[in-house]
C-alpha atoms as a PDB file:
ATOM      1  CA  MET A   1     120.763 -64.769-162.972  1.00  0.00           C
ATOM      2  CA  ILE A   2     118.401 -66.179-165.613  1.00  0.00           C
ATOM      3  CA  LYS A   3     118.543 -69.649-164.048  1.00  0.00           C
ATOM      4  CA  LYS A   4     117.833 -68.191-160.602  1.00  0.00           C
ATOM      5  CA  ILE A   5     114.772 -66.413-161.975  1.00  0.00           C
ATOM      6  CA  ILE A   6     113.574 -69.647-163.586  1.00  0.00           C
ATOM      7  CA  LEU A   7     114.101 -71.518-160.313  1.00  0.00           C
ATOM      8  CA  THR A   8     112.048 -68.929-158.396  1.00  0.00           C
ATOM      9  CA  SER A   9     109.290 -69.045-161.012  1.00  0.00           C
ATOM     10  CA  CYS A  10     109.115 -72.854-160.872  1.00  0.00           C
ATOM     11  CA  LEU A  11     108.809 -72.721-157.106  1.00  0.00           C
ATOM     12  CA  PHE A  12     105.953 -70.187-157.299  1.00  0.00           C
ATOM     13  CA  ILE A  13     104.043 -72.242-159.858  1.00  0.00           C
ATOM     14  CA  SER A  14     104.599 -75.529-158.014  1.00  0.00           C
ATOM     15  CA  THR A  15     103.431 -73.995-154.719  1.00  0.00           C
ATOM     16  CA  ILE A  16     100.110 -73.223-156.361  1.00  0.00           C
ATOM     17  CA  CYS A  17      99.838 -76.706-157.901  1.00  0.00           C
ATOM     18  CA  PHE A  18     100.687 -78.585-154.690  1.00  0.00           C
ATOM     19  CA  SER A  19      99.165 -76.271-152.095  1.00  0.00           C
ATOM     20  CA  GLN A  20      96.339 -78.697-151.371  1.00  0.00           C
ATOM     21  CA  ASN A  21      98.671 -81.669-150.903  1.00  0.00           C
ATOM     22  CA  ASN A  22      99.872 -80.965-147.391  1.00  0.00           C
ATOM     23  CA  TYR A  23     100.675 -84.593-146.575  1.00  0.00           C
ATOM     24  CA  GLY A  24     103.284 -86.853-148.043  1.00  0.00           C
ATOM     25  CA  ILE A  25     105.219 -90.095-147.722  1.00  0.00           C
ATOM     26  CA  VAL A  26     108.557 -90.582-149.453  1.00  0.00           C
ATOM     27  CA  GLU A  27     110.379 -93.891-149.549  1.00  0.00           C
ATOM     28  CA  TYR A  28     114.162 -93.703-149.883  1.00  0.00           C
ATOM     29  CA  GLY A  29     116.644 -96.385-150.816  1.00  0.00           C
ATOM     30  CA  ILE A  30     120.429 -96.394-150.935  1.00  0.00           C
ATOM     31  CA  ALA A  31     121.723 -95.574-154.398  1.00  0.00           C
ATOM     32  CA  GLU A  32     125.413 -95.887-153.599  1.00  0.00           C
ATOM     33  CA  VAL A  33     127.901 -96.559-150.831  1.00  0.00           C
ATOM     34  CA  ASN A  34     131.191 -95.322-152.252  1.00  0.00           C
ATOM     35  CA  VAL A  35     133.817 -96.687-149.887  1.00  0.00           C
ATOM     36  CA  PRO A  36     137.429 -96.919-151.117  1.00  0.00           C
ATOM     37  CA  LEU A  37     138.859-100.360-150.394  1.00  0.00           C
ATOM     38  CA  LYS A  38     142.560-100.895-149.848  1.00  0.00           C
ATOM     39  CA  GLU A  39     143.998-103.648-152.015  1.00  0.00           C
ATOM     40  CA  GLY A  40     144.977-106.698-150.033  1.00  0.00           C
ATOM     41  CA  ASN A  41     143.118-105.659-146.904  1.00  0.00           C
ATOM     42  CA  SER A  42     141.886-108.774-145.102  1.00  0.00           C
ATOM     43  CA  GLN A  43     138.718-106.911-144.074  1.00  0.00           C
ATOM     44  CA  ASN A  44     137.606-106.135-147.651  1.00  0.00           C
ATOM     45  CA  GLU A  45     135.207-109.079-147.914  1.00  0.00           C
ATOM     46  CA  MET A  46     133.467-108.112-144.665  1.00  0.00           C
ATOM     47  CA  VAL A  47     133.271-104.461-145.778  1.00  0.00           C
ATOM     48  CA  LYS A  48     131.722-105.539-149.100  1.00  0.00           C
ATOM     49  CA  ASN A  49     129.104-107.598-147.252  1.00  0.00           C
ATOM     50  CA  ILE A  50     128.268-104.633-145.029  1.00  0.00           C
ATOM     51  CA  ILE A  51     128.013-102.336-148.069  1.00  0.00           C
ATOM     52  CA  ASN A  52     125.729-104.777-149.897  1.00  0.00           C
ATOM     53  CA  THR A  53     123.528-104.971-146.804  1.00  0.00           C
ATOM     54  CA  ALA A  54     123.393-101.168-146.578  1.00  0.00           C
ATOM     55  CA  LYS A  55     122.207-100.994-150.190  1.00  0.00           C
ATOM     56  CA  THR A  56     119.132-103.103-149.330  1.00  0.00           C
ATOM     57  CA  GLN A  57     117.993-100.812-146.519  1.00  0.00           C
ATOM     58  CA  GLU A  58     115.016 -98.518-146.940  1.00  0.00           C
ATOM     59  CA  PHE A  59     113.776 -95.435-145.125  1.00  0.00           C
ATOM     60  CA  GLU A  60     110.550 -93.493-144.909  1.00  0.00           C
ATOM     61  CA  LEU A  61     109.963 -89.761-144.712  1.00  0.00           C
ATOM     62  CA  LYS A  62     106.515 -88.616-143.589  1.00  0.00           C
ATOM     63  CA  PHE A  63     105.425 -85.013-143.482  1.00  0.00           C
ATOM     64  CA  LYS A  64     102.298 -83.015-142.809  1.00  0.00           C
ATOM     65  CA  GLY A  65     102.284 -79.257-142.739  1.00  0.00           C
ATOM     66  CA  LYS A  66     105.393 -78.196-140.832  1.00  0.00           C
ATOM     67  CA  ILE A  67     106.320 -81.478-139.129  1.00  0.00           C
ATOM     68  CA  SER A  68     108.078 -84.588-140.391  1.00  0.00           C
ATOM     69  CA  SER A  69     109.597 -87.914-139.413  1.00  0.00           C
ATOM     70  CA  PHE A  70     112.367 -89.960-141.011  1.00  0.00           C
ATOM     71  CA  THR A  71     112.621 -93.577-139.892  1.00  0.00           C
ATOM     72  CA  ASN A  72     113.963 -96.973-140.923  1.00  0.00           C
ATOM     73  CA  LYS A  73     111.573 -98.963-143.067  1.00  0.00           C
ATOM     74  CA  GLU A  74     112.192-102.617-142.319  1.00  0.00           C
ATOM     75  CA  SER A  75     111.889-104.741-145.452  1.00  0.00           C
ATOM     76  CA  LEU A  76     109.692-107.812-145.200  1.00  0.00           C
ATOM     77  CA  ASP A  77     110.974-109.212-148.473  1.00  0.00           C
ATOM     78  CA  ILE A  78     114.663-109.443-147.634  1.00  0.00           C
ATOM     79  CA  GLU A  79     116.096-111.622-144.911  1.00  0.00           C
ATOM     80  CA  GLN A  80     119.080-109.812-143.467  1.00  0.00           C
ATOM     81  CA  ASP A  81     121.803-110.959-141.168  1.00  0.00           C
ATOM     82  CA  GLU A  82     121.095-109.026-137.968  1.00  0.00           C
ATOM     83  CA  THR A  83     124.763-108.300-137.269  1.00  0.00           C
ATOM     84  CA  LEU A  84     125.445-107.098-140.830  1.00  0.00           C
ATOM     85  CA  SER A  85     122.305-104.965-140.749  1.00  0.00           C
ATOM     86  CA  LYS A  86     123.392-103.282-137.530  1.00  0.00           C
ATOM     87  CA  LEU A  87     126.927-102.710-138.796  1.00  0.00           C
ATOM     88  CA  ALA A  88     125.577-101.242-142.049  1.00  0.00           C
ATOM     89  CA  LYS A  89     123.428 -98.763-140.120  1.00  0.00           C
ATOM     90  CA  ILE A  90     126.299 -97.760-137.858  1.00  0.00           C
ATOM     91  CA  ALA A  91     128.854 -97.402-140.656  1.00  0.00           C
ATOM     92  CA  TYR A  92     126.927 -96.237-143.710  1.00  0.00           C
ATOM     93  CA  THR A  93     123.235 -95.459-143.150  1.00  0.00           C
ATOM     94  CA  THR A  94     121.487 -94.779-139.837  1.00  0.00           C
ATOM     95  CA  SER A  95     119.702 -96.548-137.021  1.00  0.00           C
ATOM     96  CA  ASP A  96     118.380 -93.216-135.701  1.00  0.00           C
ATOM     97  CA  SER A  97     114.895 -91.782-136.179  1.00  0.00           C
ATOM     98  CA  PHE A  98     114.478 -88.055-136.807  1.00  0.00           C
ATOM     99  CA  TYR A  99     111.481 -85.852-135.948  1.00  0.00           C
ATOM    100  CA  LEU A 100     111.318 -82.231-137.056  1.00  0.00           C
ATOM    101  CA  TYR A 101     109.110 -79.320-135.982  1.00  0.00           C
ATOM    102  CA  LEU A 102     109.771 -76.613-138.576  1.00  0.00           C
ATOM    103  CA  ASP A 103     107.663 -73.934-136.866  1.00  0.00           C
ATOM    104  CA  LYS A 104     109.171 -74.541-133.420  1.00  0.00           C
ATOM    105  CA  LYS A 105     112.638 -75.046-134.945  1.00  0.00           C
ATOM    106  CA  ILE A 106     113.097 -78.232-132.925  1.00  0.00           C
ATOM    107  CA  LEU A 107     114.710 -81.495-134.002  1.00  0.00           C
ATOM    108  CA  LEU A 108     114.263 -84.693-132.010  1.00  0.00           C
ATOM    109  CA  LYS A 109     116.554 -87.640-132.669  1.00  0.00           C
ATOM    110  CA  LYS A 110     115.933 -91.082-131.221  1.00  0.00           C
ATOM    111  CA  ASN A 111     119.037 -93.242-131.379  1.00  0.00           C
ATOM    112  CA  GLU A 112     119.532 -96.991-131.133  1.00  0.00           C
ATOM    113  CA  GLU A 113     119.932 -96.683-127.367  1.00  0.00           C
ATOM    114  CA  ASN A 114     116.462 -95.093-127.251  1.00  0.00           C
ATOM    115  CA  ILE A 115     118.006 -91.842-126.069  1.00  0.00           C
ATOM    116  CA  LEU A 116     115.998 -88.794-127.151  1.00  0.00           C
ATOM    117  CA  ILE A 117     118.263 -85.954-128.227  1.00  0.00           C
ATOM    118  CA  LYS A 118     116.611 -82.552-128.547  1.00  0.00           C
ATOM    119  CA  GLU A 119     118.193 -79.622-130.317  1.00  0.00           C
ATOM    120  CA  GLN A 120     117.320 -76.423-132.138  1.00  0.00           C
ATOM    121  CA  SER A 121     117.003 -77.135-135.833  1.00  0.00           C
ATOM    122  CA  LYS A 122     119.932 -75.750-137.793  1.00  0.00           C
ATOM    123  CA  ASP A 123     120.238 -73.257-140.566  1.00  0.00           C
ATOM    124  CA  TYR A 124     122.490 -75.327-142.778  1.00  0.00           C
ATOM    125  CA  GLY A 125     123.526 -72.403-144.926  1.00  0.00           C
ATOM    126  CA  TRP A 126     122.815 -74.282-148.124  1.00  0.00           C
ATOM    127  CA  GLU A 127     124.654 -73.033-151.197  1.00  0.00           C
ATOM    128  CA  ILE A 128     122.387 -73.559-154.181  1.00  0.00           C
ATOM    129  CA  SER A 129     124.066 -73.867-157.569  1.00  0.00           C
ATOM    130  CA  THR A 130     122.682 -73.667-161.083  1.00  0.00           C
ATOM    131  CA  GLU A 131     123.795 -77.280-161.688  1.00  0.00           C
ATOM    132  CA  SER A 132     120.764 -79.422-162.438  1.00  0.00           C
ATOM    133  CA  LYS A 133     119.740 -82.932-163.403  1.00  0.00           C
ATOM    134  CA  LYS A 134     116.565 -84.965-163.673  1.00  0.00           C
ATOM    135  CA  ILE A 135     115.679 -87.543-161.053  1.00  0.00           C
ATOM    136  CA  ASP A 136     112.836 -89.554-162.469  1.00  0.00           C
ATOM    137  CA  GLN A 137     110.627 -86.856-164.065  1.00  0.00           C
ATOM    138  CA  TYR A 138     111.640 -84.106-161.650  1.00  0.00           C
ATOM    139  CA  MET A 139     114.145 -81.394-162.475  1.00  0.00           C
ATOM    140  CA  CYS A 140     116.464 -81.067-159.477  1.00  0.00           C
ATOM    141  CA  TYR A 141     119.079 -78.532-158.450  1.00  0.00           C
ATOM    142  CA  LYS A 142     122.266 -79.114-156.514  1.00  0.00           C
ATOM    143  CA  ALA A 143     122.854 -77.649-153.051  1.00  0.00           C
ATOM    144  CA  THR A 144     125.753 -78.179-150.661  1.00  0.00           C
ATOM    145  CA  CYS A 145     126.573 -77.358-147.071  1.00  0.00           C
ATOM    146  CA  SER A 146     129.360 -78.049-144.603  1.00  0.00           C
ATOM    147  CA  ILE A 147     128.595 -79.258-141.095  1.00  0.00           C
ATOM    148  CA  SER A 148     130.682 -80.094-138.059  1.00  0.00           C
ATOM    149  CA  TYR A 149     130.071 -83.094-135.850  1.00  0.00           C
ATOM    150  CA  ILE A 150     131.600 -84.821-132.859  1.00  0.00           C
ATOM    151  CA  SER A 151     133.086 -88.298-133.243  1.00  0.00           C
ATOM    152  CA  ARG A 152     134.983 -90.417-130.749  1.00  0.00           C
ATOM    153  CA  VAL A 153     138.199 -88.953-132.122  1.00  0.00           C
ATOM    154  CA  GLY A 154     137.046 -85.346-131.834  1.00  0.00           C
ATOM    155  CA  LYS A 155     135.437 -82.662-133.994  1.00  0.00           C
ATOM    156  CA  LYS A 156     135.180 -83.233-137.744  1.00  0.00           C
ATOM    157  CA  GLU A 157     133.684 -81.557-140.838  1.00  0.00           C
ATOM    158  CA  LYS A 158     131.758 -83.116-143.699  1.00  0.00           C
ATOM    159  CA  ILE A 159     130.192 -81.876-146.929  1.00  0.00           C
ATOM    160  CA  ILE A 160     126.542 -82.688-147.609  1.00  0.00           C
ATOM    161  CA  THR A 161     125.292 -82.689-151.207  1.00  0.00           C
ATOM    162  CA  ALA A 162     121.558 -82.525-151.898  1.00  0.00           C
ATOM    163  CA  TRP A 163     119.489 -82.532-155.071  1.00  0.00           C
ATOM    164  CA  PHE A 164     116.080 -80.915-154.539  1.00  0.00           C
ATOM    165  CA  ALA A 165     113.022 -80.527-156.746  1.00  0.00           C
ATOM    166  CA  PRO A 166     111.435 -77.033-156.777  1.00  0.00           C
ATOM    167  CA  SER A 167     108.313 -78.570-158.333  1.00  0.00           C
ATOM    168  CA  LEU A 168     107.766 -80.405-155.041  1.00  0.00           C
ATOM    169  CA  PRO A 169     107.616 -77.443-152.612  1.00  0.00           C
ATOM    170  CA  TYR A 170     108.215 -79.316-149.364  1.00  0.00           C
ATOM    171  CA  SER A 171     111.221 -78.303-147.282  1.00  0.00           C
ATOM    172  CA  PHE A 172     112.121 -81.816-146.071  1.00  0.00           C
ATOM    173  CA  GLY A 173     114.626 -84.535-146.841  1.00  0.00           C
ATOM    174  CA  PRO A 174     116.488 -87.603-145.538  1.00  0.00           C
ATOM    175  CA  LYS A 175     117.639 -87.744-141.928  1.00  0.00           C
ATOM    176  CA  GLN A 176     117.820 -84.318-140.281  1.00  0.00           C
ATOM    177  CA  TYR A 177     118.344 -82.348-143.479  1.00  0.00           C
ATOM    178  CA  PHE A 178     115.804 -79.728-144.529  1.00  0.00           C
ATOM    179  CA  GLY A 179     115.492 -76.060-145.475  1.00  0.00           C
ATOM    180  CA  LEU A 180     115.703 -76.124-149.270  1.00  0.00           C
ATOM    181  CA  PRO A 181     112.967 -74.701-151.546  1.00  0.00           C
ATOM    182  CA  GLY A 182     111.907 -78.176-152.616  1.00  0.00           C
ATOM    183  CA  LEU A 183     111.855 -81.812-151.549  1.00  0.00           C
ATOM    184  CA  ILE A 184     115.302 -83.428-151.395  1.00  0.00           C
ATOM    185  CA  LEU A 185     115.206 -86.415-153.762  1.00  0.00           C
ATOM    186  CA  GLU A 186     118.875 -87.336-153.486  1.00  0.00           C
ATOM    187  CA  LEU A 187     121.322 -86.710-150.667  1.00  0.00           C
ATOM    188  CA  THR A 188     124.952 -87.714-150.232  1.00  0.00           C
ATOM    189  CA  GLU A 189     126.438 -87.769-146.751  1.00  0.00           C
ATOM    190  CA  SER A 190     129.975 -89.130-146.373  1.00  0.00           C
ATOM    191  CA  TYR A 191     130.072 -92.381-148.386  1.00  0.00           C
ATOM    192  CA  THR A 192     126.321 -92.868-148.724  1.00  0.00           C
ATOM    193  CA  THR A 193     123.767 -91.584-151.225  1.00  0.00           C
ATOM    194  CA  TYR A 194     120.051 -91.703-150.399  1.00  0.00           C
ATOM    195  CA  ILE A 195     117.606 -91.655-153.327  1.00  0.00           C
ATOM    196  CA  ALA A 196     113.817 -91.205-153.399  1.00  0.00           C
ATOM    197  CA  LYS A 197     112.155 -94.323-154.814  1.00  0.00           C
ATOM    198  CA  LYS A 198     108.499 -93.537-154.251  1.00  0.00           C
ATOM    199  CA  ILE A 199     106.602 -90.300-153.559  1.00  0.00           C
ATOM    200  CA  ILE A 200     102.993 -90.212-152.377  1.00  0.00           C
ATOM    201  CA  LEU A 201     101.313 -86.804-152.061  1.00  0.00           C
ATOM    202  CA  ASN A 202      97.693 -86.308-151.057  1.00  0.00           C
ATOM    203  CA  ASP A 203      95.295 -84.232-148.999  1.00  0.00           C
ATOM    204  CA  LYS A 204      94.464 -87.051-146.559  1.00  0.00           C
ATOM    205  CA  GLU A 205      96.023 -86.663-143.133  1.00  0.00           C
ATOM    206  CA  ILE A 206      98.721 -89.128-142.127  1.00  0.00           C
ATOM    207  CA  ALA A 207      99.833 -90.038-138.619  1.00  0.00           C
ATOM    208  CA  ILE A 208     103.271 -89.071-137.370  1.00  0.00           C
ATOM    209  CA  ASP A 209     104.024 -90.535-133.945  1.00  0.00           C
ATOM    210  CA  PHE A 210     106.516 -88.342-132.139  1.00  0.00           C
ATOM    211  CA  PRO A 211     108.442 -90.101-129.362  1.00  0.00           C
ATOM    212  CA  LYS A 212     107.842 -89.070-125.773  1.00  0.00           C
ATOM    213  CA  GLY A 213     110.100 -89.232-122.753  1.00  0.00           C
ATOM    214  CA  LYS A 214     113.073 -87.565-121.134  1.00  0.00           C
ATOM    215  CA  THR A 215     115.340 -85.715-123.539  1.00  0.00           C
ATOM    216  CA  VAL A 216     118.982 -84.624-123.436  1.00  0.00           C
ATOM    217  CA  THR A 217     120.548 -81.780-125.361  1.00  0.00           C
ATOM    218  CA  ASN A 218     122.942 -82.417-128.206  1.00  0.00           C
ATOM    219  CA  GLU A 219     125.733 -80.890-126.103  1.00  0.00           C
ATOM    220  CA  GLU A 220     125.007 -83.292-123.239  1.00  0.00           C
ATOM    221  CA  TYR A 221     125.029 -86.274-125.587  1.00  0.00           C
ATOM    222  CA  GLU A 222     128.270 -85.163-127.263  1.00  0.00           C
ATOM    223  CA  GLN A 223     129.908 -84.902-123.844  1.00  0.00           C
ATOM    224  CA  LYS A 224     128.745 -88.429-123.103  1.00  0.00           C
ATOM    225  CA  VAL A 225     130.271 -89.686-126.389  1.00  0.00           C
ATOM    226  CA  LEU A 226     133.573 -87.927-125.755  1.00  0.00           C
ATOM    227  CA  SER A 227     133.779 -89.214-122.181  1.00  0.00           C
ATOM    228  CA  GLY A 228     133.066 -92.769-123.338  1.00  0.00           C
ATOM    229  CA  ASN A 229     130.179 -93.222-120.852  1.00  0.00           C
END
């Protein structure tokens, strides 16, 4: 109970401190890709190359007010094998771009096929624990949720683990994840852990270019995946 009271107090104080900084850019890298390799598997070397490529990939979260975008940030400093880069995104990171309207409760996802998938943003039902750790200078708290998704082999469940900073009162994070009382600085989904590397907060407006075009619902897209079309 005491820790919950402290967490609420930190959030209240940080909201006052950051209330004028309505705009932000967060750069994320890949902290870890924890894939178990089977000894003697002939594919291990290829998997290692894909993992190493995934670890070089970077992503950018932009937010202003109640809207945000999360996109790939192509590195100009690292020459990547195009095939390995694509495989790394498919297997361990993402090639999708995510656009969130918090007020309208709408999530837009643009995939590598340039298909726009529109869905109602989810209540993830985060379970916030008293477990904490520091990421850089920010005290963060652990939250978890369980989500279901459709793969080519049917419906599956996965656990998402997030570490959020109440002192940064922005309800955004990597990919489509949001809804915690603080910015998500670290997030683990399946094998992959995203980590915030750079945070820029200011009161100068930033541009977020939402994609336009015909959209499909998540249900329609899942049916397409299951049918193999």
